[in-house]
Amino acid sequence: MNTEETGDMQKTLKRGKGTLCAYQIAVTGRASLGLLLLHELIQCCVTPIPGKAGSVLRSLFYPLVFKNFARSAVTGKDLSLYQPGKIRVAAHAIIEEGVSFNVKRRGVGITVGKAVHIGKFTILSCPGGQIIIEDGSVIGANCRLGSLLGLEIGKGCFIGRGSYVIGAAHAYKSVDIPITKQPLTCRGKTIIADEVRIGNNVTIRDGVTINKGARIGDGALVLRDVAEKTVVQGVPAVPVESI
């Protein structure tokens, strides 16, 4: 459990609620023992099953806890689910093994569009706002997509492996306070428009807009908005040509 989830549990405990209630809210979003038991049963007995059998069982059981889950979606084993009642997965989506869907207490939710493909061990972290991945987009393995004020990924996008969309950061003005206890900061919603191609190991700062058809080179650090059909690369990323 990460520091944001631990913080949510600590706030619940300070309001006079017990540890079980705090865990229920962190995991399912509601203080419901029945929902928690169902969630734990699915995570222990259905989520770890590999292969086609596991995917079929998940297509039967995940609709019981997700906000919406299309039966035609394909999922790998060992998904991590926090507050699946705020998650939508559309038809023919492919979610590979080890993907984490982490919706926090203030998160609106995560929407995965039709025929979206999310690679192995990618993390979708939603402490606030919402994450929307529109139809036909591909997210590579070992990515981290964050949202404090919102993240929108358009149709037909490609994000290479190991890329990081920063959803928020901790302030660091005070040297006397541990950084994890300082407030979160965010410059605004991050928007990746339709048909954007992002290379491997790219980092995109919060609040950036990457306009339609842009291309981001491998290893780039994107600190500013990127114009439509523009190729950028470097640290920090700068325009190198127009398409």
C-alpha atoms as a PDB file:
ATOM      1  CA  MET A   1       0.000   0.000   0.000  1.00  0.00           C
ATOM      2  CA  ASN A   2       1.486   3.376  -1.005  1.00  0.00           C
ATOM      3  CA  THR A   3       1.727   6.585   1.023  1.00  0.00           C
ATOM      4  CA  GLU A   4      -1.463   8.098  -0.451  1.00  0.00           C
ATOM      5  CA  GLU A   5      -3.524   5.030   0.473  1.00  0.00           C
ATOM      6  CA  THR A   6      -1.944   4.936   3.942  1.00  0.00           C
ATOM      7  CA  GLY A   7      -2.790   8.626   4.373  1.00  0.00           C
ATOM      8  CA  ASP A   8      -6.433   8.009   3.477  1.00  0.00           C
ATOM      9  CA  MET A   9      -6.625   5.224   6.055  1.00  0.00           C
ATOM     10  CA  GLN A  10      -5.036   7.434   8.703  1.00  0.00           C
ATOM     11  CA  LYS A  11      -7.588  10.210   8.047  1.00  0.00           C
ATOM     12  CA  THR A  12     -10.422   7.712   8.412  1.00  0.00           C
ATOM     13  CA  LEU A  13      -8.987   6.465  11.704  1.00  0.00           C
ATOM     14  CA  LYS A  14      -8.678  10.030  13.029  1.00  0.00           C
ATOM     15  CA  ARG A  15     -12.397  10.516  12.407  1.00  0.00           C
ATOM     16  CA  GLY A  16     -13.029   7.750  14.937  1.00  0.00           C
ATOM     17  CA  LYS A  17     -13.556   4.844  12.568  1.00  0.00           C
ATOM     18  CA  GLY A  18     -11.911   1.457  13.096  1.00  0.00           C
ATOM     19  CA  THR A  19      -9.176  -0.173  11.066  1.00  0.00           C
ATOM     20  CA  LEU A  20     -11.604  -2.508   9.288  1.00  0.00           C
ATOM     21  CA  CYS A  21     -13.759   0.425   8.186  1.00  0.00           C
ATOM     22  CA  ALA A  22     -10.680   2.322   7.026  1.00  0.00           C
ATOM     23  CA  TYR A  23      -9.554  -0.667   4.979  1.00  0.00           C
ATOM     24  CA  GLN A  24     -13.023  -1.118   3.476  1.00  0.00           C
ATOM     25  CA  ILE A  25     -13.099   2.503   2.303  1.00  0.00           C
ATOM     26  CA  ALA A  26      -9.549   2.380   0.920  1.00  0.00           C
ATOM     27  CA  VAL A  27     -10.171  -0.825  -1.038  1.00  0.00           C
ATOM     28  CA  THR A  28     -13.814  -0.564  -2.119  1.00  0.00           C
ATOM     29  CA  GLY A  29     -14.740   3.089  -1.504  1.00  0.00           C
ATOM     30  CA  ARG A  30     -17.568   2.110   0.851  1.00  0.00           C
ATOM     31  CA  ALA A  31     -17.921   0.932   4.438  1.00  0.00           C
ATOM     32  CA  SER A  32     -19.595  -2.295   3.340  1.00  0.00           C
ATOM     33  CA  LEU A  33     -18.469  -5.617   4.774  1.00  0.00           C
ATOM     34  CA  GLY A  34     -20.339  -7.583   2.088  1.00  0.00           C
ATOM     35  CA  LEU A  35     -18.674  -5.647  -0.726  1.00  0.00           C
ATOM     36  CA  LEU A  36     -15.282  -6.072   0.917  1.00  0.00           C
ATOM     37  CA  LEU A  37     -15.761  -9.843   1.215  1.00  0.00           C
ATOM     38  CA  LEU A  38     -16.751 -10.058  -2.456  1.00  0.00           C
ATOM     39  CA  HIS A  39     -13.746  -7.963  -3.462  1.00  0.00           C
ATOM     40  CA  GLU A  40     -11.360 -10.102  -1.385  1.00  0.00           C
ATOM     41  CA  LEU A  41     -12.856 -13.328  -2.730  1.00  0.00           C
ATOM     42  CA  ILE A  42     -12.332 -12.165  -6.316  1.00  0.00           C
ATOM     43  CA  GLN A  43      -8.802 -10.940  -5.630  1.00  0.00           C
ATOM     44  CA  CYS A  44      -7.786 -14.157  -3.863  1.00  0.00           C
ATOM     45  CA  CYS A  45      -9.556 -16.773  -5.968  1.00  0.00           C
ATOM     46  CA  VAL A  46     -10.175 -15.290  -9.445  1.00  0.00           C
ATOM     47  CA  THR A  47      -7.572 -12.606 -10.151  1.00  0.00           C
ATOM     48  CA  PRO A  48      -4.483 -14.899  -9.814  1.00  0.00           C
ATOM     49  CA  ILE A  49      -5.699 -17.547 -12.302  1.00  0.00           C
ATOM     50  CA  PRO A  50      -3.578 -17.464 -15.488  1.00  0.00           C
ATOM     51  CA  GLY A  51      -4.498 -18.085 -19.107  1.00  0.00           C
ATOM     52  CA  LYS A  52      -7.823 -18.223 -20.898  1.00  0.00           C
ATOM     53  CA  ALA A  53      -9.615 -19.809 -17.949  1.00  0.00           C
ATOM     54  CA  GLY A  54      -8.647 -16.913 -15.708  1.00  0.00           C
ATOM     55  CA  SER A  55      -9.732 -14.313 -18.257  1.00  0.00           C
ATOM     56  CA  VAL A  56     -13.117 -15.998 -18.685  1.00  0.00           C
ATOM     57  CA  LEU A  57     -13.689 -16.177 -14.925  1.00  0.00           C
ATOM     58  CA  ARG A  58     -12.722 -12.525 -14.534  1.00  0.00           C
ATOM     59  CA  SER A  59     -15.168 -11.546 -17.286  1.00  0.00           C
ATOM     60  CA  LEU A  60     -17.871 -13.212 -15.178  1.00  0.00           C
ATOM     61  CA  PHE A  61     -16.892 -11.856 -11.760  1.00  0.00           C
ATOM     62  CA  TYR A  62     -15.425  -8.399 -12.470  1.00  0.00           C
ATOM     63  CA  PRO A  63     -18.831  -6.933 -13.497  1.00  0.00           C
ATOM     64  CA  LEU A  64     -19.934  -7.574  -9.902  1.00  0.00           C
ATOM     65  CA  VAL A  65     -17.456  -5.033  -8.511  1.00  0.00           C
ATOM     66  CA  PHE A  66     -16.577  -2.705 -11.430  1.00  0.00           C
ATOM     67  CA  LYS A  67     -18.810   0.230 -12.332  1.00  0.00           C
ATOM     68  CA  ASN A  68     -18.918  -1.210 -15.863  1.00  0.00           C
ATOM     69  CA  PHE A  69     -16.937  -4.128 -17.241  1.00  0.00           C
ATOM     70  CA  ALA A  70     -17.568  -5.463 -20.752  1.00  0.00           C
ATOM     71  CA  ARG A  71     -17.669  -9.244 -20.980  1.00  0.00           C
ATOM     72  CA  SER A  72     -15.565  -9.100 -24.165  1.00  0.00           C
ATOM     73  CA  ALA A  73     -12.650  -7.426 -22.335  1.00  0.00           C
ATOM     74  CA  VAL A  74      -9.573  -9.629 -21.865  1.00  0.00           C
ATOM     75  CA  THR A  75      -7.569  -9.445 -18.640  1.00  0.00           C
ATOM     76  CA  GLY A  76      -4.334 -11.018 -17.485  1.00  0.00           C
ATOM     77  CA  LYS A  77      -3.729 -12.308 -13.995  1.00  0.00           C
ATOM     78  CA  ASP A  78      -2.759 -10.413 -10.851  1.00  0.00           C
ATOM     79  CA  LEU A  79      -4.514  -7.101 -11.465  1.00  0.00           C
ATOM     80  CA  SER A  80      -4.444  -4.769  -8.471  1.00  0.00           C
ATOM     81  CA  LEU A  81      -7.821  -3.119  -7.847  1.00  0.00           C
ATOM     82  CA  TYR A  82      -8.554  -0.216  -5.526  1.00  0.00           C
ATOM     83  CA  GLN A  83     -12.138   1.064  -5.644  1.00  0.00           C
ATOM     84  CA  PRO A  84     -13.183  -0.863  -8.781  1.00  0.00           C
ATOM     85  CA  GLY A  85     -16.657   0.601  -8.362  1.00  0.00           C
ATOM     86  CA  LYS A  86     -15.200   3.746  -9.978  1.00  0.00           C
ATOM     87  CA  ILE A  87     -13.667   1.920 -12.963  1.00  0.00           C
ATOM     88  CA  ARG A  88     -15.162   1.355 -16.435  1.00  0.00           C
ATOM     89  CA  VAL A  89     -13.674  -1.053 -18.975  1.00  0.00           C
ATOM     90  CA  ALA A  90     -15.241  -1.068 -22.461  1.00  0.00           C
ATOM     91  CA  ALA A  91     -15.605  -3.831 -25.050  1.00  0.00           C
ATOM     92  CA  HIS A  92     -12.556  -5.620 -26.482  1.00  0.00           C
ATOM     93  CA  ALA A  93     -10.103  -3.880 -24.143  1.00  0.00           C
ATOM     94  CA  ILE A  94      -6.973  -5.892 -23.360  1.00  0.00           C
ATOM     95  CA  ILE A  95      -5.400  -5.472 -19.926  1.00  0.00           C
ATOM     96  CA  GLU A  96      -2.241  -7.496 -19.426  1.00  0.00           C
ATOM     97  CA  GLU A  97      -1.034  -9.088 -16.203  1.00  0.00           C
ATOM     98  CA  GLY A  98       0.050  -7.090 -13.187  1.00  0.00           C
ATOM     99  CA  VAL A  99      -1.725  -3.857 -14.151  1.00  0.00           C
ATOM    100  CA  SER A 100      -2.729  -1.690 -11.167  1.00  0.00           C
ATOM    101  CA  PHE A 101      -5.914   0.374 -11.026  1.00  0.00           C
ATOM    102  CA  ASN A 102      -5.501   2.597  -7.983  1.00  0.00           C
ATOM    103  CA  VAL A 103      -8.395   4.993  -7.417  1.00  0.00           C
ATOM    104  CA  LYS A 104      -8.039   6.952  -4.197  1.00  0.00           C
ATOM    105  CA  ARG A 105     -10.669   8.533  -1.970  1.00  0.00           C
ATOM    106  CA  ARG A 106     -10.903  11.779  -3.990  1.00  0.00           C
ATOM    107  CA  GLY A 107     -10.510  10.131  -7.390  1.00  0.00           C
ATOM    108  CA  VAL A 108     -13.474  10.373  -9.766  1.00  0.00           C
ATOM    109  CA  GLY A 109     -12.517   7.161 -11.534  1.00  0.00           C
ATOM    110  CA  ILE A 110     -10.819   5.463 -14.479  1.00  0.00           C
ATOM    111  CA  THR A 111     -12.395   4.885 -17.902  1.00  0.00           C
ATOM    112  CA  VAL A 112     -10.803   2.471 -20.376  1.00  0.00           C
ATOM    113  CA  GLY A 113     -12.304   2.799 -23.887  1.00  0.00           C
ATOM    114  CA  LYS A 114     -13.010   0.227 -26.579  1.00  0.00           C
ATOM    115  CA  ALA A 115     -10.083  -1.831 -27.870  1.00  0.00           C
ATOM    116  CA  VAL A 116      -7.616  -0.110 -25.548  1.00  0.00           C
ATOM    117  CA  HIS A 117      -4.504  -2.179 -24.810  1.00  0.00           C
ATOM    118  CA  ILE A 118      -2.668  -1.710 -21.492  1.00  0.00           C
ATOM    119  CA  GLY A 119       0.703  -3.455 -21.128  1.00  0.00           C
ATOM    120  CA  LYS A 120       2.091  -5.498 -18.259  1.00  0.00           C
ATOM    121  CA  PHE A 121       2.716  -3.936 -14.851  1.00  0.00           C
ATOM    122  CA  THR A 122       1.470  -0.486 -15.825  1.00  0.00           C
ATOM    123  CA  ILE A 123       0.068   1.604 -12.962  1.00  0.00           C
ATOM    124  CA  LEU A 124      -2.940   3.903 -13.297  1.00  0.00           C
ATOM    125  CA  SER A 125      -2.943   6.092 -10.186  1.00  0.00           C
ATOM    126  CA  CYS A 126      -5.958   8.332  -9.623  1.00  0.00           C
ATOM    127  CA  PRO A 127      -5.710  10.303  -6.341  1.00  0.00           C
ATOM    128  CA  GLY A 128      -8.032  12.965  -7.790  1.00  0.00           C
ATOM    129  CA  GLY A 129      -9.820  13.922 -10.999  1.00  0.00           C
ATOM    130  CA  GLN A 130     -10.223  11.080 -13.466  1.00  0.00           C
ATOM    131  CA  ILE A 131      -8.213   9.111 -15.992  1.00  0.00           C
ATOM    132  CA  ILE A 132      -9.804   8.635 -19.416  1.00  0.00           C
ATOM    133  CA  ILE A 133      -8.184   6.485 -22.113  1.00  0.00           C
ATOM    134  CA  GLU A 134     -10.207   6.710 -25.305  1.00  0.00           C
ATOM    135  CA  ASP A 135     -10.847   4.049 -27.944  1.00  0.00           C
ATOM    136  CA  GLY A 136      -8.002   2.246 -29.671  1.00  0.00           C
ATOM    137  CA  SER A 137      -5.108   3.648 -27.641  1.00  0.00           C
ATOM    138  CA  VAL A 138      -2.128   1.488 -26.636  1.00  0.00           C
ATOM    139  CA  ILE A 139      -0.231   1.897 -23.363  1.00  0.00           C
ATOM    140  CA  GLY A 140       3.092   0.056 -23.148  1.00  0.00           C
ATOM    141  CA  ALA A 141       4.402  -2.087 -20.309  1.00  0.00           C
ATOM    142  CA  ASN A 142       5.722  -0.615 -17.045  1.00  0.00           C
ATOM    143  CA  CYS A 143       4.171   2.820 -17.561  1.00  0.00           C
ATOM    144  CA  ARG A 144       2.779   4.992 -14.778  1.00  0.00           C
ATOM    145  CA  LEU A 145      -0.168   7.252 -15.548  1.00  0.00           C
ATOM    146  CA  GLY A 146      -1.091   9.705 -12.806  1.00  0.00           C
ATOM    147  CA  SER A 147      -3.972  12.071 -12.244  1.00  0.00           C
ATOM    148  CA  LEU A 148      -4.638  14.622  -9.506  1.00  0.00           C
ATOM    149  CA  LEU A 149      -6.633  17.132 -11.565  1.00  0.00           C
ATOM    150  CA  GLY A 150      -7.316  14.838 -14.526  1.00  0.00           C
ATOM    151  CA  LEU A 151      -5.638  12.929 -17.351  1.00  0.00           C
ATOM    152  CA  GLU A 152      -7.205  12.502 -20.794  1.00  0.00           C
ATOM    153  CA  ILE A 153      -5.666  10.294 -23.487  1.00  0.00           C
ATOM    154  CA  GLY A 154      -7.363  10.565 -26.873  1.00  0.00           C
ATOM    155  CA  LYS A 155      -8.194   8.019 -29.560  1.00  0.00           C
ATOM    156  CA  GLY A 156      -5.542   6.030 -31.385  1.00  0.00           C
ATOM    157  CA  CYS A 157      -2.636   7.096 -29.185  1.00  0.00           C
ATOM    158  CA  PHE A 158       0.506   5.090 -28.483  1.00  0.00           C
ATOM    159  CA  ILE A 159       2.571   5.409 -25.294  1.00  0.00           C
ATOM    160  CA  GLY A 160       5.811   3.432 -25.228  1.00  0.00           C
ATOM    161  CA  ARG A 161       7.077   1.229 -22.420  1.00  0.00           C
ATOM    162  CA  GLY A 162       8.414   2.757 -19.230  1.00  0.00           C
ATOM    163  CA  SER A 163       6.818   6.168 -19.799  1.00  0.00           C
ATOM    164  CA  TYR A 164       5.557   8.312 -16.937  1.00  0.00           C
ATOM    165  CA  VAL A 165       2.763  10.883 -16.951  1.00  0.00           C
ATOM    166  CA  ILE A 166       3.194  12.838 -13.728  1.00  0.00           C
ATOM    167  CA  GLY A 167      -0.143  13.351 -12.001  1.00  0.00           C
ATOM    168  CA  ALA A 168       1.144  15.352  -9.042  1.00  0.00           C
ATOM    169  CA  ALA A 169       4.210  16.031  -6.939  1.00  0.00           C
ATOM    170  CA  HIS A 170       4.952  16.920  -3.350  1.00  0.00           C
ATOM    171  CA  ALA A 171       5.932  20.459  -2.423  1.00  0.00           C
ATOM    172  CA  TYR A 172       9.487  20.781  -1.108  1.00  0.00           C
ATOM    173  CA  LYS A 173       9.768  24.351   0.185  1.00  0.00           C
ATOM    174  CA  SER A 174      10.218  23.403   3.828  1.00  0.00           C
ATOM    175  CA  VAL A 175      13.429  21.537   4.628  1.00  0.00           C
ATOM    176  CA  ASP A 176      12.128  20.755   8.145  1.00  0.00           C
ATOM    177  CA  ILE A 177       9.174  18.635   6.964  1.00  0.00           C
ATOM    178  CA  PRO A 178       9.581  15.237   5.250  1.00  0.00           C
ATOM    179  CA  ILE A 179       8.637  15.571   1.591  1.00  0.00           C
ATOM    180  CA  THR A 180       5.927  12.892   1.871  1.00  0.00           C
ATOM    181  CA  LYS A 181       4.153  15.037   4.500  1.00  0.00           C
ATOM    182  CA  GLN A 182       4.205  18.213   2.412  1.00  0.00           C
ATOM    183  CA  PRO A 183       1.128  19.048   0.311  1.00  0.00           C
ATOM    184  CA  LEU A 184       0.585  17.729  -3.201  1.00  0.00           C
ATOM    185  CA  THR A 185       1.016  20.156  -6.062  1.00  0.00           C
ATOM    186  CA  CYS A 186      -0.363  19.996  -9.599  1.00  0.00           C
ATOM    187  CA  ARG A 187      -0.264  22.465 -12.499  1.00  0.00           C
ATOM    188  CA  GLY A 188      -3.556  21.235 -13.977  1.00  0.00           C
ATOM    189  CA  LYS A 189      -5.126  18.550 -16.144  1.00  0.00           C
ATOM    190  CA  THR A 190      -2.864  16.667 -18.543  1.00  0.00           C
ATOM    191  CA  ILE A 191      -4.284  16.216 -22.050  1.00  0.00           C
ATOM    192  CA  ILE A 192      -2.908  13.922 -24.739  1.00  0.00           C
ATOM    193  CA  ALA A 193      -4.963  14.469 -27.877  1.00  0.00           C
ATOM    194  CA  ASP A 194      -5.877  11.968 -30.609  1.00  0.00           C
ATOM    195  CA  GLU A 195      -3.200  10.087 -32.589  1.00  0.00           C
ATOM    196  CA  VAL A 196      -0.269  11.177 -30.442  1.00  0.00           C
ATOM    197  CA  ARG A 197       2.739   8.860 -30.440  1.00  0.00           C
ATOM    198  CA  ILE A 198       4.954   8.858 -27.345  1.00  0.00           C
ATOM    199  CA  GLY A 199       8.219   6.927 -27.300  1.00  0.00           C
ATOM    200  CA  ASN A 200       9.770   4.732 -24.621  1.00  0.00           C
ATOM    201  CA  ASN A 201      10.868   6.083 -21.233  1.00  0.00           C
ATOM    202  CA  VAL A 202       9.269   9.490 -21.751  1.00  0.00           C
ATOM    203  CA  THR A 203       8.325  11.693 -18.789  1.00  0.00           C
ATOM    204  CA  ILE A 204       5.438  14.175 -19.153  1.00  0.00           C
ATOM    205  CA  ARG A 205       4.889  16.804 -16.512  1.00  0.00           C
ATOM    206  CA  ASP A 206       1.439  17.483 -15.041  1.00  0.00           C
ATOM    207  CA  GLY A 207      -0.631  20.188 -16.720  1.00  0.00           C
ATOM    208  CA  VAL A 208       0.877  19.637 -20.191  1.00  0.00           C
ATOM    209  CA  THR A 209      -1.241  19.469 -23.375  1.00  0.00           C
ATOM    210  CA  ILE A 210       0.114  17.416 -26.274  1.00  0.00           C
ATOM    211  CA  ASN A 211      -1.931  18.286 -29.334  1.00  0.00           C
ATOM    212  CA  LYS A 212      -3.218  16.001 -32.090  1.00  0.00           C
ATOM    213  CA  GLY A 213      -0.728  13.986 -34.083  1.00  0.00           C
ATOM    214  CA  ALA A 214       2.364  15.088 -32.150  1.00  0.00           C
ATOM    215  CA  ARG A 215       5.373  12.767 -31.768  1.00  0.00           C
ATOM    216  CA  ILE A 216       7.544  12.534 -28.637  1.00  0.00           C
ATOM    217  CA  GLY A 217      11.001  10.956 -28.994  1.00  0.00           C
ATOM    218  CA  ASP A 218      12.367   8.228 -26.723  1.00  0.00           C
ATOM    219  CA  GLY A 219      13.637   9.429 -23.356  1.00  0.00           C
ATOM    220  CA  ALA A 220      12.209  12.937 -23.700  1.00  0.00           C
ATOM    221  CA  LEU A 221      11.234  15.128 -20.736  1.00  0.00           C
ATOM    222  CA  VAL A 222       8.124  17.111 -21.711  1.00  0.00           C
ATOM    223  CA  LEU A 223       7.686  20.227 -19.582  1.00  0.00           C
ATOM    224  CA  ARG A 224       5.588  22.393 -21.938  1.00  0.00           C
ATOM    225  CA  ASP A 225       2.660  22.050 -24.335  1.00  0.00           C
ATOM    226  CA  VAL A 226       3.422  20.427 -27.709  1.00  0.00           C
ATOM    227  CA  ALA A 227       1.841  21.825 -30.872  1.00  0.00           C
ATOM    228  CA  GLU A 228      -0.204  19.743 -33.315  1.00  0.00           C
ATOM    229  CA  LYS A 229       1.804  17.453 -35.634  1.00  0.00           C
ATOM    230  CA  THR A 230       5.114  18.501 -34.106  1.00  0.00           C
ATOM    231  CA  VAL A 231       8.042  16.211 -33.288  1.00  0.00           C
ATOM    232  CA  VAL A 232       9.844  16.948 -30.018  1.00  0.00           C
ATOM    233  CA  GLN A 233      12.763  15.247 -28.311  1.00  0.00           C
ATOM    234  CA  GLY A 234      15.445  15.855 -25.721  1.00  0.00           C
ATOM    235  CA  VAL A 235      15.756  16.819 -22.043  1.00  0.00           C
ATOM    236  CA  PRO A 236      13.898  19.095 -21.842  1.00  0.00           C
ATOM    237  CA  ALA A 237      11.972  18.309 -25.025  1.00  0.00           C
ATOM    238  CA  VAL A 238      12.164  20.872 -27.823  1.00  0.00           C
ATOM    239  CA  PRO A 239      10.616  20.882 -31.330  1.00  0.00           C
ATOM    240  CA  VAL A 240      12.820  19.374 -34.036  1.00  0.00           C
ATOM    241  CA  GLU A 241      10.443  19.220 -36.997  1.00  0.00           C
ATOM    242  CA  SER A 242       6.820  19.421 -38.149  1.00  0.00           C
ATOM    243  CA  ILE A 243       4.976  16.488 -39.713  1.00  0.00           C
END
